[in-house]
C-alpha atoms as a PDB file:
ATOM      1  CA  MET A   1     -27.671 103.945 196.733  1.00  0.00           C
ATOM      2  CA  ILE A   2     -28.009 106.708 199.299  1.00  0.00           C
ATOM      3  CA  LYS A   3     -28.774 106.077 202.952  1.00  0.00           C
ATOM      4  CA  LEU A   4     -29.307 108.699 205.672  1.00  0.00           C
ATOM      5  CA  ALA A   5     -27.423 108.530 208.968  1.00  0.00           C
ATOM      6  CA  LYS A   6     -27.339 110.553 212.182  1.00  0.00           C
ATOM      7  CA  ILE A   7     -24.031 111.492 213.829  1.00  0.00           C
ATOM      8  CA  LEU A   8     -23.972 110.043 217.353  1.00  0.00           C
ATOM      9  CA  SER A   9     -20.459 111.045 218.419  1.00  0.00           C
ATOM     10  CA  ILE A  10     -17.283 112.508 216.981  1.00  0.00           C
ATOM     11  CA  ASP A  11     -13.863 111.998 218.531  1.00  0.00           C
ATOM     12  CA  SER A  12     -10.328 112.391 217.224  1.00  0.00           C
ATOM     13  CA  GLU A  13     -10.185 109.015 215.418  1.00  0.00           C
ATOM     14  CA  ILE A  14     -13.713 107.708 214.860  1.00  0.00           C
ATOM     15  CA  VAL A  15     -17.090 109.172 213.916  1.00  0.00           C
ATOM     16  CA  THR A  16     -20.030 107.070 215.088  1.00  0.00           C
ATOM     17  CA  LEU A  17     -23.133 107.105 212.882  1.00  0.00           C
ATOM     18  CA  LYS A  18     -26.546 105.510 213.258  1.00  0.00           C
ATOM     19  CA  LEU A  19     -28.371 104.513 210.097  1.00  0.00           C
ATOM     20  CA  GLU A  20     -31.912 105.824 210.055  1.00  0.00           C
ATOM     21  CA  GLU A  21     -34.252 102.914 210.709  1.00  0.00           C
ATOM     22  CA  LYS A  22     -36.841 101.927 208.129  1.00  0.00           C
ATOM     23  CA  ALA A  23     -35.719 104.804 205.892  1.00  0.00           C
ATOM     24  CA  LYS A  24     -35.706 103.804 202.279  1.00  0.00           C
ATOM     25  CA  CYS A  25     -32.643 104.651 200.249  1.00  0.00           C
ATOM     26  CA  THR A  26     -33.471 108.055 198.781  1.00  0.00           C
ATOM     27  CA  ASP A  27     -33.003 107.056 195.148  1.00  0.00           C
ATOM     28  CA  CYS A  28     -34.639 103.637 195.408  1.00  0.00           C
ATOM     29  CA  LYS A  29     -38.295 102.683 194.909  1.00  0.00           C
ATOM     30  CA  ASN A  30     -37.953  99.398 196.805  1.00  0.00           C
ATOM     31  CA  SER A  31     -38.291  99.223 200.559  1.00  0.00           C
ATOM     32  CA  CYS A  32     -35.886  96.403 201.286  1.00  0.00           C
ATOM     33  CA  SER A  33     -34.600  95.632 204.754  1.00  0.00           C
ATOM     34  CA  ASP A  34     -31.153  96.501 206.062  1.00  0.00           C
ATOM     35  CA  GLY A  35     -30.008  92.872 206.073  1.00  0.00           C
ATOM     36  CA  PHE A  36     -27.803  93.364 203.042  1.00  0.00           C
ATOM     37  CA  LEU A  37     -26.402  96.606 204.469  1.00  0.00           C
ATOM     38  CA  SER A  38     -25.554  94.710 207.646  1.00  0.00           C
ATOM     39  CA  PHE A  39     -23.353  92.411 205.613  1.00  0.00           C
ATOM     40  CA  LEU A  40     -21.994  95.180 203.448  1.00  0.00           C
ATOM     41  CA  PHE A  41     -20.999  97.680 206.115  1.00  0.00           C
ATOM     42  CA  LYS A  42     -20.313  95.052 208.821  1.00  0.00           C
ATOM     43  CA  LYS A  43     -22.522  97.162 211.066  1.00  0.00           C
ATOM     44  CA  ASP A  44     -23.722  96.228 214.490  1.00  0.00           C
ATOM     45  CA  SER A  45     -27.251  94.890 214.861  1.00  0.00           C
ATOM     46  CA  ASP A  46     -28.563  98.251 216.049  1.00  0.00           C
ATOM     47  CA  GLY A  47     -27.462 100.140 212.922  1.00  0.00           C
ATOM     48  CA  ILE A  48     -24.267 101.716 214.289  1.00  0.00           C
ATOM     49  CA  LEU A  49     -21.491 102.496 211.804  1.00  0.00           C
ATOM     50  CA  LYS A  50     -18.009 103.536 212.887  1.00  0.00           C
ATOM     51  CA  VAL A  51     -16.062 105.633 210.397  1.00  0.00           C
ATOM     52  CA  GLY A  52     -12.270 105.844 210.700  1.00  0.00           C
ATOM     53  CA  LYS A  53     -11.410 109.512 210.410  1.00  0.00           C
ATOM     54  CA  ASN A  54      -7.671 110.118 210.239  1.00  0.00           C
ATOM     55  CA  SER A  55      -5.750 106.991 209.324  1.00  0.00           C
ATOM     56  CA  GLU A  56      -6.454 103.724 207.557  1.00  0.00           C
ATOM     57  CA  LYS A  57      -4.864 101.785 210.418  1.00  0.00           C
ATOM     58  CA  ASN A  58      -8.156 102.412 212.292  1.00  0.00           C
ATOM     59  CA  LEU A  59      -9.915 100.212 209.761  1.00  0.00           C
ATOM     60  CA  PRO A  60      -9.944  97.079 211.946  1.00  0.00           C
ATOM     61  CA  PHE A  61     -11.742  99.108 214.618  1.00  0.00           C
ATOM     62  CA  SER A  62     -14.136 100.852 212.231  1.00  0.00           C
ATOM     63  CA  HIS A  63     -16.599  99.714 209.588  1.00  0.00           C
ATOM     64  CA  LEU A  64     -15.662 102.367 207.011  1.00  0.00           C
ATOM     65  CA  TYR A  65     -12.885 104.825 206.357  1.00  0.00           C
ATOM     66  CA  ASP A  66     -13.278 108.495 205.438  1.00  0.00           C
ATOM     67  CA  TYR A  67     -11.114 108.505 202.295  1.00  0.00           C
ATOM     68  CA  GLU A  68     -12.122 112.025 201.232  1.00  0.00           C
ATOM     69  CA  GLN A  69     -11.609 113.515 204.732  1.00  0.00           C
ATOM     70  CA  PHE A  70     -15.215 114.709 204.757  1.00  0.00           C
ATOM     71  CA  PHE A  71     -15.436 114.802 208.551  1.00  0.00           C
ATOM     72  CA  SER A  72     -12.082 116.579 208.923  1.00  0.00           C
ATOM     73  CA  GLU A  73     -12.941 119.358 206.479  1.00  0.00           C
ATOM     74  CA  ASN A  74     -16.511 120.070 207.671  1.00  0.00           C
ATOM     75  CA  SER A  75     -17.695 121.049 211.116  1.00  0.00           C
ATOM     76  CA  PHE A  76     -20.350 118.749 212.486  1.00  0.00           C
ATOM     77  CA  LYS A  77     -22.006 118.235 215.828  1.00  0.00           C
ATOM     78  CA  ASN A  78     -23.948 115.372 217.316  1.00  0.00           C
ATOM     79  CA  ASN A  79     -27.407 114.644 215.836  1.00  0.00           C
ATOM     80  CA  ASP A  80     -26.565 116.166 212.442  1.00  0.00           C
ATOM     81  CA  ILE A  81     -28.001 114.167 209.519  1.00  0.00           C
ATOM     82  CA  ILE A  82     -25.654 113.190 206.689  1.00  0.00           C
ATOM     83  CA  GLY A  83     -25.961 111.011 203.619  1.00  0.00           C
ATOM     84  CA  VAL A  84     -23.954 107.875 202.887  1.00  0.00           C
ATOM     85  CA  GLU A  85     -23.682 107.051 199.188  1.00  0.00           C
ATOM     86  CA  LEU A  86     -22.536 103.714 197.795  1.00  0.00           C
ATOM     87  CA  GLN A  87     -21.972 103.229 194.068  1.00  0.00           C
ATOM     88  CA  GLU A  88     -24.332 100.798 192.377  1.00  0.00           C
ATOM     89  CA  PHE A  89     -21.387  98.890 190.875  1.00  0.00           C
ATOM     90  CA  GLN A  90     -20.049  98.132 194.352  1.00  0.00           C
ATOM     91  CA  LEU A  91     -23.493  97.070 195.486  1.00  0.00           C
ATOM     92  CA  LEU A  92     -23.784  94.685 192.542  1.00  0.00           C
ATOM     93  CA  LYS A  93     -20.312  93.262 193.218  1.00  0.00           C
ATOM     94  CA  TYR A  94     -21.137  92.592 196.868  1.00  0.00           C
ATOM     95  CA  ALA A  95     -24.544  91.103 195.959  1.00  0.00           C
ATOM     96  CA  LEU A  96     -22.797  88.676 193.607  1.00  0.00           C
ATOM     97  CA  ILE A  97     -20.405  87.699 196.405  1.00  0.00           C
ATOM     98  CA  LEU A  98     -23.191  87.290 198.939  1.00  0.00           C
ATOM     99  CA  TYR A  99     -25.622  85.359 196.731  1.00  0.00           C
ATOM    100  CA  GLY A 100     -23.708  84.027 193.718  1.00  0.00           C
ATOM    101  CA  MET A 101     -20.766  82.398 195.495  1.00  0.00           C
ATOM    102  CA  PRO A 102     -22.917  80.254 197.822  1.00  0.00           C
ATOM    103  CA  ILE A 103     -25.026  78.999 194.930  1.00  0.00           C
ATOM    104  CA  LEU A 104     -21.946  78.025 192.892  1.00  0.00           C
ATOM    105  CA  ALA A 105     -20.282  76.369 195.892  1.00  0.00           C
ATOM    106  CA  ILE A 106     -23.434  74.446 196.815  1.00  0.00           C
ATOM    107  CA  VAL A 107     -23.844  73.112 193.269  1.00  0.00           C
ATOM    108  CA  PHE A 108     -20.141  72.231 193.001  1.00  0.00           C
ATOM    109  CA  PHE A 109     -19.941  70.406 196.358  1.00  0.00           C
ATOM    110  CA  LEU A 110     -23.311  68.671 195.820  1.00  0.00           C
ATOM    111  CA  ILE A 111     -22.161  67.236 192.479  1.00  0.00           C
ATOM    112  CA  SER A 112     -18.673  66.439 193.829  1.00  0.00           C
ATOM    113  CA  GLY A 113     -20.073  64.646 196.877  1.00  0.00           C
ATOM    114  CA  TYR A 114     -22.457  62.636 194.741  1.00  0.00           C
ATOM    115  CA  ILE A 115     -19.703  61.594 192.305  1.00  0.00           C
ATOM    116  CA  VAL A 116     -17.120  60.747 195.017  1.00  0.00           C
ATOM    117  CA  PHE A 117     -19.590  58.652 197.025  1.00  0.00           C
ATOM    118  CA  SER A 118     -20.854  56.872 193.871  1.00  0.00           C
ATOM    119  CA  ILE A 119     -17.304  56.008 192.732  1.00  0.00           C
ATOM    120  CA  SER A 120     -16.492  54.759 196.240  1.00  0.00           C
ATOM    121  CA  GLY A 121     -19.445  52.384 196.131  1.00  0.00           C
ATOM    122  CA  LEU A 122     -21.334  54.305 198.808  1.00  0.00           C
ATOM    123  CA  ASN A 123     -24.772  55.866 198.554  1.00  0.00           C
ATOM    124  CA  GLY A 124     -24.453  58.843 196.174  1.00  0.00           C
ATOM    125  CA  ASP A 125     -27.489  60.606 197.649  1.00  0.00           C
ATOM    126  CA  ILE A 126     -25.828  60.776 201.062  1.00  0.00           C
ATOM    127  CA  GLY A 127     -22.676  62.157 199.423  1.00  0.00           C
ATOM    128  CA  GLY A 128     -24.776  64.813 197.696  1.00  0.00           C
ATOM    129  CA  VAL A 129     -26.341  65.879 200.993  1.00  0.00           C
ATOM    130  CA  ILE A 130     -22.935  65.964 202.699  1.00  0.00           C
ATOM    131  CA  GLY A 131     -21.534  68.012 199.780  1.00  0.00           C
ATOM    132  CA  PHE A 132     -24.511  70.406 200.028  1.00  0.00           C
ATOM    133  CA  VAL A 133     -23.970  70.992 203.766  1.00  0.00           C
ATOM    134  CA  LEU A 134     -20.210  71.330 203.249  1.00  0.00           C
ATOM    135  CA  GLY A 135     -20.774  73.921 200.506  1.00  0.00           C
ATOM    136  CA  LEU A 136     -23.057  75.950 202.764  1.00  0.00           C
ATOM    137  CA  PHE A 137     -20.634  75.806 205.671  1.00  0.00           C
ATOM    138  CA  LEU A 138     -17.536  76.725 203.644  1.00  0.00           C
ATOM    139  CA  THR A 139     -19.149  79.707 201.915  1.00  0.00           C
ATOM    140  CA  ARG A 140     -20.434  81.032 205.230  1.00  0.00           C
ATOM    141  CA  VAL A 141     -16.954  80.805 206.741  1.00  0.00           C
ATOM    142  CA  LEU A 142     -15.360  82.375 203.667  1.00  0.00           C
ATOM    143  CA  ILE A 143     -17.807  85.276 203.429  1.00  0.00           C
ATOM    144  CA  GLN A 144     -17.625  86.042 207.149  1.00  0.00           C
ATOM    145  CA  SER A 145     -13.843  86.014 207.253  1.00  0.00           C
ATOM    146  CA  ALA A 146     -12.360  89.456 207.751  1.00  0.00           C
ATOM    147  CA  LYS A 147      -9.790  88.980 204.992  1.00  0.00           C
ATOM    148  CA  PHE A 148     -12.418  88.252 202.389  1.00  0.00           C
ATOM    149  CA  ARG A 149     -14.773  91.075 203.176  1.00  0.00           C
ATOM    150  CA  ALA A 150     -13.488  94.282 201.620  1.00  0.00           C
ATOM    151  CA  THR A 151     -14.436  97.638 203.041  1.00  0.00           C
ATOM    152  CA  PRO A 152     -16.733  99.488 200.661  1.00  0.00           C
ATOM    153  CA  ARG A 153     -15.794 102.986 199.547  1.00  0.00           C
ATOM    154  CA  VAL A 154     -18.568 105.367 200.370  1.00  0.00           C
ATOM    155  CA  LYS A 155     -19.077 109.060 199.801  1.00  0.00           C
ATOM    156  CA  PHE A 156     -20.455 111.243 202.574  1.00  0.00           C
ATOM    157  CA  PHE A 157     -22.454 114.432 201.971  1.00  0.00           C
ATOM    158  CA  LYS A 158     -24.551 116.958 203.901  1.00  0.00           C
END
């Protein structure tokens, strides 16, 4: 997947990029929204990405890290357009985390809630609903936690 971005600012530690709005990924025939990219890159709502330039300790303050030192080796100025490439395997892995884990947790907690409430002599349907809501809540908390969300490795190019 390749997405285009404009350089907004460059300083000693962080490069600030803005993803081009409504631009389809250059190698994709679908015109999906950036909702999944928001989750994936942990970007702000206005499409801003911060790329840590010199050291990985900047990672908590940036969305991505420049592993290949692309911005250090090339001379750029503001408003230059660059490409951001993400491997399809990583995209599939993150899609499974974002969509697969909630489905599995919902089914597990729904069945568990139903069984526990039925064994306890309570209404099993209410236990199923409580398990469903608990599954939704726990997966949301788990996915949004900073420790769980890995930083994707991307490749930058001119």
